[in-house]
């Protein structure tokens, strides 16, 4: 099965509310439960909008990790609603940096159990 053009492949993750492999340019390689990814104004800021608008980022415990193409570096998830992501309750702010903690666009995996 192939995805339509510009559509990510569907990820198989039966126990996840949402998950994705997100590329450094913000494109989605494969996903489940992810509506969109937009790049923030500052380097390394990704706003990941969840498909289910009932999901509230202040109640979730998401996990993110850099892919092997993202090392060395760091990844962080804002633990609540972010002004960078227009204060949307169903949008996570994910930040990726280089080893000096300067914002840099890096590929990562995201999981919302």
PDB file of N, CA and C in Angstrom:
ATOM      1  N   UNK A   1       0.847  -1.185   0.000  1.00  0.00           N
ATOM      2  CA  UNK A   1       0.000   0.000   0.000  1.00  0.00           C
ATOM      3  C   UNK A   1       0.882   1.234   0.000  1.00  0.00           C
ATOM      4  N   UNK A   2       0.610   2.159  -0.881  1.00  0.00           N
ATOM      5  CA  UNK A   2       1.377   3.395  -0.918  1.00  0.00           C
ATOM      6  C   UNK A   2       0.491   4.557  -0.500  1.00  0.00           C
ATOM      7  N   UNK A   3       1.117   5.590   0.029  1.00  0.00           N
ATOM      8  CA  UNK A   3       0.379   6.771   0.458  1.00  0.00           C
ATOM      9  C   UNK A   3       0.208   7.712  -0.722  1.00  0.00           C
ATOM     10  N   UNK A   4      -0.867   8.516  -0.723  1.00  0.00           N
ATOM     11  CA  UNK A   4      -1.017   9.516  -1.769  1.00  0.00           C
ATOM     12  C   UNK A   4       0.156  10.504  -1.710  1.00  0.00           C
ATOM     13  N   UNK A   5       0.441  11.219  -2.793  1.00  0.00           N
ATOM     14  CA  UNK A   5       1.525  12.201  -2.770  1.00  0.00           C
ATOM     15  C   UNK A   5       1.359  13.182  -1.603  1.00  0.00           C
ATOM     16  N   UNK A   6       2.459  13.529  -0.981  1.00  0.00           N
ATOM     17  CA  UNK A   6       2.510  14.479   0.134  1.00  0.00           C
ATOM     18  C   UNK A   6       1.804  13.987   1.394  1.00  0.00           C
ATOM     19  N   UNK A   7       1.425  12.718   1.427  1.00  0.00           N
ATOM     20  CA  UNK A   7       0.822  12.140   2.611  1.00  0.00           C
ATOM     21  C   UNK A   7       1.830  11.177   3.234  1.00  0.00           C
ATOM     22  N   UNK A   8       2.024  11.252   4.561  1.00  0.00           N
ATOM     23  CA  UNK A   8       2.961  10.314   5.188  1.00  0.00           C
ATOM     24  C   UNK A   8       2.392   8.902   5.172  1.00  0.00           C
ATOM     25  N   UNK A   9       3.300   7.926   5.228  1.00  0.00           N
ATOM     26  CA  UNK A   9       2.866   6.547   5.375  1.00  0.00           C
ATOM     27  C   UNK A   9       2.226   6.398   6.749  1.00  0.00           C
ATOM     28  N   UNK A  10       1.287   5.508   6.853  1.00  0.00           N
ATOM     29  CA  UNK A  10       0.610   5.232   8.124  1.00  0.00           C
ATOM     30  C   UNK A  10       1.512   4.371   8.987  1.00  0.00           C
ATOM     31  N   UNK A  11       1.761   4.794  10.227  1.00  0.00           N
ATOM     32  CA  UNK A  11       2.549   4.024  11.176  1.00  0.00           C
ATOM     33  C   UNK A  11       1.652   3.001  11.861  1.00  0.00           C
ATOM     34  N   UNK A  12       2.183   1.841  12.106  1.00  0.00           N
ATOM     35  CA  UNK A  12       1.447   0.808  12.832  1.00  0.00           C
ATOM     36  C   UNK A  12       1.884   0.891  14.287  1.00  0.00           C
ATOM     37  N   UNK A  13       0.996   1.348  15.132  1.00  0.00           N
ATOM     38  CA  UNK A  13       1.280   1.520  16.560  1.00  0.00           C
ATOM     39  C   UNK A  13      -0.029   1.339  17.326  1.00  0.00           C
ATOM     40  N   UNK A  14      -0.443   0.082  17.540  1.00  0.00           N
ATOM     41  CA  UNK A  14      -1.770  -0.177  18.096  1.00  0.00           C
ATOM     42  C   UNK A  14      -2.014   0.395  19.496  1.00  0.00           C
ATOM     43  N   UNK A  15      -0.993   0.649  20.272  1.00  0.00           N
ATOM     44  CA  UNK A  15      -1.196   1.129  21.635  1.00  0.00           C
ATOM     45  C   UNK A  15      -0.838   2.601  21.813  1.00  0.00           C
ATOM     46  N   UNK A  16      -0.590   3.300  20.730  1.00  0.00           N
ATOM     47  CA  UNK A  16      -0.246   4.718  20.804  1.00  0.00           C
ATOM     48  C   UNK A  16      -1.440   5.573  20.385  1.00  0.00           C
ATOM     49  N   UNK A  17      -1.613   6.698  21.073  1.00  0.00           N
ATOM     50  CA  UNK A  17      -2.620   7.673  20.637  1.00  0.00           C
ATOM     51  C   UNK A  17      -2.111   8.407  19.406  1.00  0.00           C
ATOM     52  N   UNK A  18      -0.792   8.651  19.386  1.00  0.00           N
ATOM     53  CA  UNK A  18      -0.161   9.315  18.247  1.00  0.00           C
ATOM     54  C   UNK A  18       1.314   8.956  18.237  1.00  0.00           C
ATOM     55  N   UNK A  19       1.900   8.946  17.038  1.00  0.00           N
ATOM     56  CA  UNK A  19       3.339   8.718  16.904  1.00  0.00           C
ATOM     57  C   UNK A  19       3.754   9.184  15.513  1.00  0.00           C
ATOM     58  N   UNK A  20       5.058   9.444  15.361  1.00  0.00           N
ATOM     59  CA  UNK A  20       5.539   9.886  14.051  1.00  0.00           C
ATOM     60  C   UNK A  20       7.052   9.822  13.975  1.00  0.00           C
ATOM     61  N   UNK A  21       7.538   9.728  12.743  1.00  0.00           N
ATOM     62  CA  UNK A  21       8.924   9.994  12.408  1.00  0.00           C
ATOM     63  C   UNK A  21       8.883  11.307  11.647  1.00  0.00           C
ATOM     64  N   UNK A  22       9.470  12.332  12.255  1.00  0.00           N
ATOM     65  CA  UNK A  22       9.422  13.680  11.686  1.00  0.00           C
ATOM     66  C   UNK A  22      10.823  14.057  11.210  1.00  0.00           C
ATOM     67  N   UNK A  23      10.913  14.483   9.960  1.00  0.00           N
ATOM     68  CA  UNK A  23      12.189  14.853   9.361  1.00  0.00           C
ATOM     69  C   UNK A  23      12.615  16.256   9.787  1.00  0.00           C
ATOM     70  N   UNK A  24      13.884  16.579   9.573  1.00  0.00           N
ATOM     71  CA  UNK A  24      14.434  17.871   9.981  1.00  0.00           C
ATOM     72  C   UNK A  24      13.726  19.047   9.307  1.00  0.00           C
ATOM     73  N   UNK A  25      13.167  18.840   8.130  1.00  0.00           N
ATOM     74  CA  UNK A  25      12.459  19.922   7.441  1.00  0.00           C
ATOM     75  C   UNK A  25      10.988  20.030   7.847  1.00  0.00           C
ATOM     76  N   UNK A  26      10.569  19.204   8.820  1.00  0.00           N
ATOM     77  CA  UNK A  26       9.186  19.229   9.296  1.00  0.00           C
ATOM     78  C   UNK A  26       8.252  18.299   8.559  1.00  0.00           C
ATOM     79  N   UNK A  27       8.733  17.656   7.500  1.00  0.00           N
ATOM     80  CA  UNK A  27       7.872  16.701   6.804  1.00  0.00           C
ATOM     81  C   UNK A  27       7.737  15.438   7.649  1.00  0.00           C
ATOM     82  N   UNK A  28       6.639  14.742   7.453  1.00  0.00           N
ATOM     83  CA  UNK A  28       6.347  13.542   8.228  1.00  0.00           C
ATOM     84  C   UNK A  28       6.621  12.330   7.358  1.00  0.00           C
ATOM     85  N   UNK A  29       7.479  11.439   7.840  1.00  0.00           N
ATOM     86  CA  UNK A  29       7.807  10.224   7.097  1.00  0.00           C
ATOM     87  C   UNK A  29       6.707   9.184   7.257  1.00  0.00           C
ATOM     88  N   UNK A  30       6.336   8.902   8.499  1.00  0.00           N
ATOM     89  CA  UNK A  30       5.220   8.005   8.792  1.00  0.00           C
ATOM     90  C   UNK A  30       4.606   8.442  10.108  1.00  0.00           C
ATOM     91  N   UNK A  31       3.304   8.221  10.249  1.00  0.00           N
ATOM     92  CA  UNK A  31       2.626   8.746  11.436  1.00  0.00           C
ATOM     93  C   UNK A  31       1.304   8.065  11.691  1.00  0.00           C
ATOM     94  N   UNK A  32       0.843   8.252  12.906  1.00  0.00           N
ATOM     95  CA  UNK A  32      -0.503   7.879  13.328  1.00  0.00           C
ATOM     96  C   UNK A  32      -0.963   8.973  14.282  1.00  0.00           C
ATOM     97  N   UNK A  33      -2.127   9.535  14.058  1.00  0.00           N
ATOM     98  CA  UNK A  33      -2.689  10.517  14.969  1.00  0.00           C
ATOM     99  C   UNK A  33      -2.049  11.898  14.938  1.00  0.00           C
ATOM    100  N   UNK A  34      -1.265  12.185  13.903  1.00  0.00           N
ATOM    101  CA  UNK A  34      -0.622  13.494  13.761  1.00  0.00           C
ATOM    102  C   UNK A  34      -1.302  14.230  12.612  1.00  0.00           C
ATOM    103  N   UNK A  35      -1.823  15.414  12.894  1.00  0.00           N
ATOM    104  CA  UNK A  35      -2.498  16.196  11.856  1.00  0.00           C
ATOM    105  C   UNK A  35      -1.511  16.980  11.008  1.00  0.00           C
ATOM    106  N   UNK A  36      -0.548  17.656  11.672  1.00  0.00           N
ATOM    107  CA  UNK A  36       0.418  18.466  10.926  1.00  0.00           C
ATOM    108  C   UNK A  36       1.635  18.774  11.783  1.00  0.00           C
ATOM    109  N   UNK A  37       2.691  19.188  11.110  1.00  0.00           N
ATOM    110  CA  UNK A  37       3.899  19.684  11.771  1.00  0.00           C
ATOM    111  C   UNK A  37       4.253  20.999  11.103  1.00  0.00           C
ATOM    112  N   UNK A  38       4.426  22.036  11.908  1.00  0.00           N
ATOM    113  CA  UNK A  38       4.873  23.320  11.378  1.00  0.00           C
ATOM    114  C   UNK A  38       6.160  23.706  12.092  1.00  0.00           C
ATOM    115  N   UNK A  39       7.000  24.425  11.380  1.00  0.00           N
ATOM    116  CA  UNK A  39       8.252  24.881  11.948  1.00  0.00           C
ATOM    117  C   UNK A  39       8.041  26.223  12.631  1.00  0.00           C
ATOM    118  N   UNK A  40       8.606  26.362  13.825  1.00  0.00           N
ATOM    119  CA  UNK A  40       8.527  27.632  14.543  1.00  0.00           C
ATOM    120  C   UNK A  40       9.448  28.665  13.921  1.00  0.00           C
ATOM    121  N   UNK A  41       9.348  29.888  14.390  1.00  0.00           N
ATOM    122  CA  UNK A  41      10.173  30.977  13.870  1.00  0.00           C
ATOM    123  C   UNK A  41      11.652  30.735  14.154  1.00  0.00           C
ATOM    124  N   UNK A  42      11.971  30.218  15.338  1.00  0.00           N
ATOM    125  CA  UNK A  42      13.355  29.955  15.717  1.00  0.00           C
ATOM    126  C   UNK A  42      13.764  28.544  15.322  1.00  0.00           C
ATOM    127  N   UNK A  43      15.020  28.368  14.965  1.00  0.00           N
ATOM    128  CA  UNK A  43      15.538  27.068  14.538  1.00  0.00           C
ATOM    129  C   UNK A  43      15.313  26.016  15.612  1.00  0.00           C
ATOM    130  N   UNK A  44      14.962  24.822  15.166  1.00  0.00           N
ATOM    131  CA  UNK A  44      14.788  23.701  16.072  1.00  0.00           C
ATOM    132  C   UNK A  44      13.439  23.627  16.755  1.00  0.00           C
ATOM    133  N   UNK A  45      12.498  24.502  16.410  1.00  0.00           N
ATOM    134  CA  UNK A  45      11.163  24.479  17.031  1.00  0.00           C
ATOM    135  C   UNK A  45      10.169  23.848  16.067  1.00  0.00           C
ATOM    136  N   UNK A  46       9.524  22.774  16.528  1.00  0.00           N
ATOM    137  CA  UNK A  46       8.516  22.070  15.750  1.00  0.00           C
ATOM    138  C   UNK A  46       7.195  22.111  16.522  1.00  0.00           C
ATOM    139  N   UNK A  47       6.111  22.505  15.881  1.00  0.00           N
ATOM    140  CA  UNK A  47       4.781  22.441  16.473  1.00  0.00           C
ATOM    141  C   UNK A  47       4.068  21.243  15.847  1.00  0.00           C
ATOM    142  N   UNK A  48       3.783  20.242  16.684  1.00  0.00           N
ATOM    143  CA  UNK A  48       3.187  18.998  16.211  1.00  0.00           C
ATOM    144  C   UNK A  48       1.731  18.968  16.663  1.00  0.00           C
ATOM    145  N   UNK A  49       0.825  19.122  15.698  1.00  0.00           N
ATOM    146  CA  UNK A  49      -0.606  19.135  15.992  1.00  0.00           C
ATOM    147  C   UNK A  49      -1.149  17.718  15.939  1.00  0.00           C
ATOM    148  N   UNK A  50      -1.826  17.328  17.001  1.00  0.00           N
ATOM    149  CA  UNK A  50      -2.427  16.001  17.089  1.00  0.00           C
ATOM    150  C   UNK A  50      -3.784  16.001  16.388  1.00  0.00           C
ATOM    151  N   UNK A  51      -4.130  14.895  15.727  1.00  0.00           N
ATOM    152  CA  UNK A  51      -5.410  14.798  15.021  1.00  0.00           C
ATOM    153  C   UNK A  51      -6.598  14.913  15.963  1.00  0.00           C
ATOM    154  N   UNK A  52      -6.514  14.279  17.104  1.00  0.00           N
ATOM    155  CA  UNK A  52      -7.628  14.266  18.056  1.00  0.00           C
ATOM    156  C   UNK A  52      -7.607  15.565  18.852  1.00  0.00           C
ATOM    157  N   UNK A  53      -8.500  16.470  18.529  1.00  0.00           N
ATOM    158  CA  UNK A  53      -8.527  17.785  19.192  1.00  0.00           C
ATOM    159  C   UNK A  53      -8.903  17.687  20.667  1.00  0.00           C
ATOM    160  N   UNK A  54      -9.390  16.524  21.109  1.00  0.00           N
ATOM    161  CA  UNK A  54      -9.718  16.347  22.529  1.00  0.00           C
ATOM    162  C   UNK A  54      -8.479  16.086  23.376  1.00  0.00           C
ATOM    163  N   UNK A  55      -7.358  15.726  22.749  1.00  0.00           N
ATOM    164  CA  UNK A  55      -6.127  15.499  23.496  1.00  0.00           C
ATOM    165  C   UNK A  55      -5.575  16.838  23.968  1.00  0.00           C
ATOM    166  N   UNK A  56      -5.250  16.905  25.235  1.00  0.00           N
ATOM    167  CA  UNK A  56      -4.765  18.131  25.866  1.00  0.00           C
ATOM    168  C   UNK A  56      -3.317  17.910  26.284  1.00  0.00           C
ATOM    169  N   UNK A  57      -2.390  18.699  25.727  1.00  0.00           N
ATOM    170  CA  UNK A  57      -0.965  18.491  26.004  1.00  0.00           C
ATOM    171  C   UNK A  57      -0.609  18.649  27.475  1.00  0.00           C
ATOM    172  N   UNK A  58      -1.461  19.297  28.253  1.00  0.00           N
ATOM    173  CA  UNK A  58      -1.183  19.431  29.688  1.00  0.00           C
ATOM    174  C   UNK A  58      -1.482  18.139  30.442  1.00  0.00           C
ATOM    175  N   UNK A  59      -2.129  17.172  29.774  1.00  0.00           N
ATOM    176  CA  UNK A  59      -2.479  15.904  30.400  1.00  0.00           C
ATOM    177  C   UNK A  59      -1.705  14.719  29.822  1.00  0.00           C
ATOM    178  N   UNK A  60      -0.890  14.956  28.797  1.00  0.00           N
ATOM    179  CA  UNK A  60      -0.176  13.877  28.117  1.00  0.00           C
ATOM    180  C   UNK A  60       1.236  13.705  28.678  1.00  0.00           C
ATOM    181  N   UNK A  61       1.816  12.535  28.417  1.00  0.00           N
ATOM    182  CA  UNK A  61       3.210  12.262  28.781  1.00  0.00           C
ATOM    183  C   UNK A  61       3.918  11.770  27.506  1.00  0.00           C
ATOM    184  N   UNK A  62       4.189  12.678  26.568  1.00  0.00           N
ATOM    185  CA  UNK A  62       4.809  12.287  25.313  1.00  0.00           C
ATOM    186  C   UNK A  62       6.297  11.985  25.481  1.00  0.00           C
ATOM    187  N   UNK A  63       6.827  11.225  24.536  1.00  0.00           N
ATOM    188  CA  UNK A  63       8.242  10.861  24.528  1.00  0.00           C
ATOM    189  C   UNK A  63       8.793  11.173  23.144  1.00  0.00           C
ATOM    190  N   UNK A  64       9.975  11.775  23.096  1.00  0.00           N
ATOM    191  CA  UNK A  64      10.623  12.055  21.816  1.00  0.00           C
ATOM    192  C   UNK A  64      12.094  11.682  21.908  1.00  0.00           C
ATOM    193  N   UNK A  65      12.633  11.241  20.795  1.00  0.00           N
ATOM    194  CA  UNK A  65      14.055  10.921  20.714  1.00  0.00           C
ATOM    195  C   UNK A  65      14.571  11.286  19.335  1.00  0.00           C
ATOM    196  N   UNK A  66      15.799  11.755  19.280  1.00  0.00           N
ATOM    197  CA  UNK A  66      16.417  12.060  17.996  1.00  0.00           C
ATOM    198  C   UNK A  66      16.676  10.761  17.243  1.00  0.00           C
ATOM    199  N   UNK A  67      16.564  10.802  15.932  1.00  0.00           N
ATOM    200  CA  UNK A  67      16.961   9.648  15.136  1.00  0.00           C
ATOM    201  C   UNK A  67      18.483   9.618  15.081  1.00  0.00           C
ATOM    202  N   UNK A  68      19.042   8.546  14.559  1.00  0.00           N
ATOM    203  CA  UNK A  68      20.501   8.472  14.458  1.00  0.00           C
ATOM    204  C   UNK A  68      21.058   9.612  13.615  1.00  0.00           C
ATOM    205  N   UNK A  69      20.289  10.125  12.674  1.00  0.00           N
ATOM    206  CA  UNK A  69      20.724  11.269  11.876  1.00  0.00           C
ATOM    207  C   UNK A  69      20.732  12.571  12.654  1.00  0.00           C
ATOM    208  N   UNK A  70      20.155  12.581  13.853  1.00  0.00           N
ATOM    209  CA  UNK A  70      20.084  13.793  14.659  1.00  0.00           C
ATOM    210  C   UNK A  70      21.188  13.936  15.686  1.00  0.00           C
ATOM    211  N   UNK A  71      21.973  12.886  15.873  1.00  0.00           N
ATOM    212  CA  UNK A  71      23.032  12.938  16.891  1.00  0.00           C
ATOM    213  C   UNK A  71      24.292  13.557  16.321  1.00  0.00           C
ATOM    214  N   UNK A  72      25.131  14.248  17.119  1.00  0.00           N
ATOM    215  CA  UNK A  72      24.891  14.564  18.519  1.00  0.00           C
ATOM    216  C   UNK A  72      23.918  15.722  18.646  1.00  0.00           C
ATOM    217  N   UNK A  73      23.228  15.770  19.740  1.00  0.00           N
ATOM    218  CA  UNK A  73      22.263  16.827  19.986  1.00  0.00           C
ATOM    219  C   UNK A  73      21.328  16.465  21.115  1.00  0.00           C
ATOM    220  N   UNK A  74      20.326  17.307  21.313  1.00  0.00           N
ATOM    221  CA  UNK A  74      19.359  17.126  22.387  1.00  0.00           C
ATOM    222  C   UNK A  74      17.964  17.364  21.840  1.00  0.00           C
ATOM    223  N   UNK A  75      16.979  16.825  22.561  1.00  0.00           N
ATOM    224  CA  UNK A  75      15.580  17.024  22.201  1.00  0.00           C
ATOM    225  C   UNK A  75      14.781  17.266  23.469  1.00  0.00           C
ATOM    226  N   UNK A  76      13.837  18.175  23.394  1.00  0.00           N
ATOM    227  CA  UNK A  76      13.000  18.544  24.533  1.00  0.00           C
ATOM    228  C   UNK A  76      11.555  18.640  24.063  1.00  0.00           C
ATOM    229  N   UNK A  77      10.624  18.370  24.976  1.00  0.00           N
ATOM    230  CA  UNK A  77       9.202  18.587  24.704  1.00  0.00           C
ATOM    231  C   UNK A  77       8.683  19.552  25.755  1.00  0.00           C
ATOM    232  N   UNK A  78       8.039  20.615  25.320  1.00  0.00           N
ATOM    233  CA  UNK A  78       7.410  21.552  26.256  1.00  0.00           C
ATOM    234  C   UNK A  78       6.305  20.796  26.994  1.00  0.00           C
ATOM    235  N   UNK A  79       6.284  20.866  28.337  1.00  0.00           N
ATOM    236  CA  UNK A  79       5.319  20.064  29.093  1.00  0.00           C
ATOM    237  C   UNK A  79       3.901  20.633  29.148  1.00  0.00           C
ATOM    238  N   UNK A  80       3.597  21.625  28.350  1.00  0.00           N
ATOM    239  CA  UNK A  80       2.253  22.200  28.370  1.00  0.00           C
ATOM    240  C   UNK A  80       1.984  22.985  27.106  1.00  0.00           C
ATOM    241  N   UNK A  81       1.032  23.867  27.188  1.00  0.00           N
ATOM    242  CA  UNK A  81       0.651  24.714  26.059  1.00  0.00           C
ATOM    243  C   UNK A  81       1.750  25.740  25.826  1.00  0.00           C
ATOM    244  N   UNK A  82       2.059  26.004  24.559  1.00  0.00           N
ATOM    245  CA  UNK A  82       3.166  26.893  24.212  1.00  0.00           C
ATOM    246  C   UNK A  82       2.708  28.059  23.338  1.00  0.00           C
ATOM    247  N   UNK A  83       3.228  29.237  23.635  1.00  0.00           N
ATOM    248  CA  UNK A  83       2.945  30.396  22.787  1.00  0.00           C
ATOM    249  C   UNK A  83       3.564  30.224  21.405  1.00  0.00           C
ATOM    250  N   UNK A  84       4.675  29.484  21.321  1.00  0.00           N
ATOM    251  CA  UNK A  84       5.315  29.223  20.023  1.00  0.00           C
ATOM    252  C   UNK A  84       4.332  28.515  19.089  1.00  0.00           C
ATOM    253  N   UNK A  85       3.476  27.688  19.653  1.00  0.00           N
ATOM    254  CA  UNK A  85       2.502  26.918  18.877  1.00  0.00           C
ATOM    255  C   UNK A  85       1.091  27.489  19.014  1.00  0.00           C
ATOM    256  N   UNK A  86       1.002  28.788  19.149  1.00  0.00           N
ATOM    257  CA  UNK A  86      -0.281  29.521  19.186  1.00  0.00           C
ATOM    258  C   UNK A  86      -1.213  29.076  20.300  1.00  0.00           C
ATOM    259  N   UNK A  87      -0.653  28.604  21.418  1.00  0.00           N
ATOM    260  CA  UNK A  87      -1.443  28.217  22.592  1.00  0.00           C
ATOM    261  C   UNK A  87      -2.522  27.184  22.295  1.00  0.00           C
ATOM    262  N   UNK A  88      -2.254  26.299  21.350  1.00  0.00           N
ATOM    263  CA  UNK A  88      -3.213  25.246  21.000  1.00  0.00           C
ATOM    264  C   UNK A  88      -3.079  24.082  21.977  1.00  0.00           C
ATOM    265  N   UNK A  89      -4.176  23.655  22.583  1.00  0.00           N
ATOM    266  CA  UNK A  89      -4.114  22.607  23.606  1.00  0.00           C
ATOM    267  C   UNK A  89      -3.785  21.232  23.037  1.00  0.00           C
ATOM    268  N   UNK A  90      -3.937  21.041  21.721  1.00  0.00           N
ATOM    269  CA  UNK A  90      -3.634  19.750  21.115  1.00  0.00           C
ATOM    270  C   UNK A  90      -2.365  19.802  20.246  1.00  0.00           C
ATOM    271  N   UNK A  91      -1.462  20.753  20.563  1.00  0.00           N
ATOM    272  CA  UNK A  91      -0.240  20.911  19.785  1.00  0.00           C
ATOM    273  C   UNK A  91       0.972  20.915  20.702  1.00  0.00           C
ATOM    274  N   UNK A  92       1.895  19.980  20.436  1.00  0.00           N
ATOM    275  CA  UNK A  92       3.122  19.855  21.218  1.00  0.00           C
ATOM    276  C   UNK A  92       4.238  20.694  20.614  1.00  0.00           C
ATOM    277  N   UNK A  93       5.020  21.335  21.462  1.00  0.00           N
ATOM    278  CA  UNK A  93       6.240  22.007  21.029  1.00  0.00           C
ATOM    279  C   UNK A  93       7.398  21.060  21.291  1.00  0.00           C
ATOM    280  N   UNK A  94       8.093  20.685  20.226  1.00  0.00           N
ATOM    281  CA  UNK A  94       9.283  19.846  20.329  1.00  0.00           C
ATOM    282  C   UNK A  94      10.463  20.711  19.895  1.00  0.00           C
ATOM    283  N   UNK A  95      11.530  20.690  20.691  1.00  0.00           N
ATOM    284  CA  UNK A  95      12.716  21.505  20.418  1.00  0.00           C
ATOM    285  C   UNK A  95      13.909  20.581  20.223  1.00  0.00           C
ATOM    286  N   UNK A  96      14.643  20.776  19.124  1.00  0.00           N
ATOM    287  CA  UNK A  96      15.866  20.025  18.887  1.00  0.00           C
ATOM    288  C   UNK A  96      17.045  20.990  18.840  1.00  0.00           C
ATOM    289  N   UNK A  97      18.189  20.531  19.378  1.00  0.00           N
ATOM    290  CA  UNK A  97      19.378  21.380  19.439  1.00  0.00           C
ATOM    291  C   UNK A  97      20.628  20.581  19.061  1.00  0.00           C
ATOM    292  N   UNK A  98      21.720  21.314  18.836  1.00  0.00           N
ATOM    293  CA  UNK A  98      23.006  20.650  18.659  1.00  0.00           C
ATOM    294  C   UNK A  98      23.620  20.406  20.036  1.00  0.00           C
ATOM    295  N   UNK A  99      24.844  19.897  20.088  1.00  0.00           N
ATOM    296  CA  UNK A  99      25.451  19.566  21.383  1.00  0.00           C
ATOM    297  C   UNK A  99      25.719  20.801  22.233  1.00  0.00           C
ATOM    298  N   UNK A 100      25.728  21.996  21.643  1.00  0.00           N
ATOM    299  CA  UNK A 100      25.906  23.238  22.406  1.00  0.00           C
ATOM    300  C   UNK A 100      24.572  23.849  22.819  1.00  0.00           C
ATOM    301  N   UNK A 101      23.504  23.139  22.570  1.00  0.00           N
ATOM    302  CA  UNK A 101      22.126  23.528  22.887  1.00  0.00           C
ATOM    303  C   UNK A 101      21.620  24.737  22.078  1.00  0.00           C
ATOM    304  N   UNK A 102      22.209  24.937  20.904  1.00  0.00           N
ATOM    305  CA  UNK A 102      21.692  25.940  19.974  1.00  0.00           C
ATOM    306  C   UNK A 102      20.632  25.263  19.111  1.00  0.00           C
ATOM    307  N   UNK A 103      19.519  25.951  18.879  1.00  0.00           N
ATOM    308  CA  UNK A 103      18.442  25.367  18.097  1.00  0.00           C
ATOM    309  C   UNK A 103      18.878  24.986  16.693  1.00  0.00           C
ATOM    310  N   UNK A 104      18.605  23.745  16.318  1.00  0.00           N
ATOM    311  CA  UNK A 104      18.931  23.209  14.996  1.00  0.00           C
ATOM    312  C   UNK A 104      17.817  22.247  14.604  1.00  0.00           C
ATOM    313  N   UNK A 105      17.418  22.276  13.333  1.00  0.00           N
ATOM    314  CA  UNK A 105      16.398  21.348  12.854  1.00  0.00           C
ATOM    315  C   UNK A 105      17.009  19.950  12.790  1.00  0.00           C
ATOM    316  N   UNK A 106      16.426  18.988  13.522  1.00  0.00           N
ATOM    317  CA  UNK A 106      16.913  17.613  13.547  1.00  0.00           C
ATOM    318  C   UNK A 106      15.735  16.643  13.440  1.00  0.00           C
ATOM    319  N   UNK A 107      15.954  15.491  12.825  1.00  0.00           N
ATOM    320  CA  UNK A 107      14.882  14.496  12.717  1.00  0.00           C
ATOM    321  C   UNK A 107      14.669  13.782  14.057  1.00  0.00           C
ATOM    322  N   UNK A 108      13.402  13.403  14.307  1.00  0.00           N
ATOM    323  CA  UNK A 108      13.098  12.749  15.588  1.00  0.00           C
ATOM    324  C   UNK A 108      11.880  11.842  15.475  1.00  0.00           C
ATOM    325  N   UNK A 109      11.780  10.964  16.456  1.00  0.00           N
ATOM    326  CA  UNK A 109      10.596  10.130  16.669  1.00  0.00           C
ATOM    327  C   UNK A 109       9.783  10.747  17.783  1.00  0.00           C
ATOM    328  N   UNK A 110       8.472  10.697  17.680  1.00  0.00           N
ATOM    329  CA  UNK A 110       7.573  11.190  18.723  1.00  0.00           C
ATOM    330  C   UNK A 110       6.558  10.091  19.029  1.00  0.00           C
ATOM    331  N   UNK A 111       6.299   9.887  20.319  1.00  0.00           N
ATOM    332  CA  UNK A 111       5.311   8.901  20.758  1.00  0.00           C
ATOM    333  C   UNK A 111       4.430   9.519  21.825  1.00  0.00           C
ATOM    334  N   UNK A 112       3.128   9.410  21.629  1.00  0.00           N
ATOM    335  CA  UNK A 112       2.152   9.815  22.640  1.00  0.00           C
ATOM    336  C   UNK A 112       1.424   8.533  23.039  1.00  0.00           C
ATOM    337  N   UNK A 113       1.819   7.937  24.200  1.00  0.00           N
ATOM    338  CA  UNK A 113       1.211   6.666  24.600  1.00  0.00           C
ATOM    339  C   UNK A 113      -0.258   6.825  24.975  1.00  0.00           C
TER     340      UNK A 113
END
